[in-house]
Protein backbone atom coordinates (compact mmCIF):
# COMPACT_ATOMS: atom_id res chain seq x y z
CA UNK A 1 19.78 -5.67 -3.27
CA UNK A 2 18.68 -4.00 -0.07
CA UNK A 3 15.09 -2.90 0.61
CA UNK A 4 16.45 0.65 0.74
CA UNK A 5 16.85 0.37 -3.05
CA UNK A 6 13.06 0.43 -3.24
CA UNK A 7 11.36 3.73 -2.40
CA UNK A 8 7.64 3.53 -1.64
CA UNK A 9 5.45 6.62 -1.44
CA UNK A 10 1.80 6.60 -0.44
CA UNK A 11 -0.94 9.15 -1.07
CA UNK A 12 -4.26 8.26 0.63
CA UNK A 13 -7.54 10.11 0.15
CA UNK A 14 -11.11 9.78 1.40
CA UNK A 15 -13.85 8.87 -1.06
CA UNK A 16 -16.91 10.68 0.30
CA UNK A 17 -19.06 9.66 -2.67
CA UNK A 18 -18.52 5.94 -1.94
CA UNK A 19 -18.84 6.20 1.84
CA UNK A 20 -21.89 5.98 4.09
CA UNK A 21 -20.91 7.43 7.48
CA UNK A 22 -24.39 6.83 8.93
CA UNK A 23 -23.76 3.11 8.26
CA UNK A 24 -20.19 3.19 9.60
CA UNK A 25 -18.78 2.67 6.10
CA UNK A 26 -15.79 4.84 5.17
CA UNK A 27 -13.99 4.25 1.87
CA UNK A 28 -10.45 5.36 1.17
CA UNK A 29 -8.31 5.18 -1.95
CA UNK A 30 -4.54 5.14 -1.86
CA UNK A 31 -2.07 5.69 -4.65
CA UNK A 32 1.28 4.01 -4.24
CA UNK A 33 4.45 4.57 -6.22
CA UNK A 34 7.19 1.94 -6.06
CA UNK A 35 10.52 3.28 -7.33
CA UNK A 36 13.48 1.01 -8.07
CA UNK A 37 16.67 2.87 -7.17
CA UNK A 38 18.82 -0.26 -7.26
CA UNK A 39 20.98 -1.77 -10.02
CA UNK A 40 18.76 -4.79 -10.84
CA UNK A 41 15.28 -5.16 -12.26
CA UNK A 42 12.73 -6.23 -9.65
CA UNK A 43 9.30 -7.77 -9.85
CA UNK A 44 6.59 -7.04 -7.29
CA UNK A 45 5.37 -10.55 -6.48
CA UNK A 46 3.11 -10.07 -3.48
CA UNK A 47 1.78 -7.81 -0.79
CA UNK A 48 0.95 -7.96 2.89
CA UNK A 49 -1.12 -5.26 4.56
CA UNK A 50 -1.97 -4.71 8.21
CA UNK A 51 -4.93 -2.32 8.45
CA UNK A 52 -6.02 -0.98 11.84
CA UNK A 53 -9.23 1.03 12.19
CA UNK A 54 -10.03 3.64 14.82
CA UNK A 55 -11.47 0.99 17.15
CA UNK A 56 -8.25 -1.02 17.09
CA UNK A 57 -9.75 -3.70 14.84
CA UNK A 58 -6.94 -5.26 12.78
CA UNK A 59 -7.40 -6.70 9.30
CA UNK A 60 -4.56 -8.50 7.52
CA UNK A 61 -4.53 -8.84 3.74
CA UNK A 62 -2.06 -10.94 1.77
CA UNK A 63 -2.00 -11.76 -1.90
CA UNK A 64 -0.05 -12.00 -5.09
CA UNK A 65 0.86 -8.82 -6.89
CA UNK A 66 -1.14 -5.61 -6.72
CA UNK A 67 -4.36 -4.73 -8.58
CA UNK A 68 -4.08 -7.99 -10.51
CA UNK A 69 -0.53 -7.34 -11.71
CA UNK A 70 2.99 -8.45 -10.84
CA UNK A 71 4.86 -5.56 -12.44
CA UNK A 72 8.50 -5.64 -13.54
CA UNK A 73 10.31 -2.46 -12.50
CA UNK A 74 13.64 -1.78 -14.24
CA UNK A 75 16.41 0.15 -12.47
CA UNK A 76 15.56 3.85 -12.28
CA UNK A 77 11.89 3.23 -13.11
CA UNK A 78 8.75 3.31 -11.04
CA UNK A 79 5.32 1.70 -10.94
CA UNK A 80 2.23 3.53 -9.68
CA UNK A 81 -1.19 2.10 -8.91
CA UNK A 82 -4.33 3.03 -6.99
CA UNK A 83 -6.38 0.72 -4.81
CA UNK A 84 -8.80 1.10 -1.95
CA UNK A 85 -10.01 -0.06 1.44
CA UNK A 86 -13.12 0.43 3.53
CA UNK A 87 -13.19 0.91 7.28
CA UNK A 88 -15.91 1.00 9.95
CA UNK A 89 -14.36 4.15 11.45
CA UNK A 90 -13.48 7.56 9.96
CA UNK A 91 -9.78 6.95 10.45
CA UNK A 92 -7.23 4.17 10.52
CA UNK A 93 -3.67 3.21 9.65
CA UNK A 94 -2.21 0.93 6.97
CA UNK A 95 1.27 -0.54 6.81
CA UNK A 96 2.84 -3.58 5.28
CA UNK A 97 5.39 -4.89 2.82
CA UNK A 98 5.89 -6.03 -0.74
CA UNK A 99 7.65 -9.25 -1.66
CA UNK A 100 10.10 -8.32 -4.39
CA UNK A 101 11.95 -10.73 -6.71
CA UNK A 102 15.32 -9.84 -8.22
CA UNK A 103 16.42 -11.01 -11.66
CA UNK A 104 18.97 -13.29 -9.97
CA UNK A 105 16.14 -15.14 -8.16
CA UNK A 106 16.57 -13.65 -4.69
CA UNK A 107 13.51 -12.37 -2.85
CA UNK A 108 13.32 -9.64 -0.26
CA UNK A 109 10.68 -7.69 1.64
CA UNK A 110 10.27 -3.97 0.91
CA UNK A 111 8.59 -2.37 3.94
CA UNK A 112 5.71 0.08 3.50
CA UNK A 113 5.77 2.67 6.27
CA UNK A 114 2.51 3.28 8.16
CA UNK A 115 0.21 5.85 6.59
CA UNK A 116 -2.97 7.40 7.89
CA UNK A 117 -6.43 7.00 6.42
CA UNK A 118 -8.66 9.80 7.73
CA UNK A 119 -11.55 12.01 6.81
CA UNK A 120 -10.28 15.49 5.94
CA UNK A 121 -10.00 17.71 9.02
CA UNK A 122 -10.91 14.91 11.46
CA UNK A 123 -7.42 14.85 12.99
CA UNK A 124 -5.42 18.05 13.35
C-alpha cells in the first residue's frame, strides 16, 4: 500500500488559557485525522515530529503510537485524536510522519505535511 492511501488532515489552534506569553510559553493543540483510503487495514505504530519554533529552534519527538494508542484503521475508516505542544515563540511549524503497519506485515511511512502553529492574527 502506498502512503497516498493514507490521508492526514491537521487542524491546529492556540490555547490562550494555557499559555503565558509574558513567560514565552505558547501552547497549541492540534487535531489530526488519519483516513485509510487503501484496501488493507493499517495500524498506526509510531510517530516522528519535527517542530520548529519562530527562533529556528528544532525539537524532534519520536514515540510509539499517538496519545497512548496504536489504533487499527480499517479500509474506508478514519481515526481522529487531539494532542498538544508548547513553544517559546508565538508561532512555529510542525511536520513529520507516522509509521504504519499493514495486515500483511509490511511497514511504511505516511508523511504529515507541514502545518503552522500561530497565535490568531499574528501572521496575515
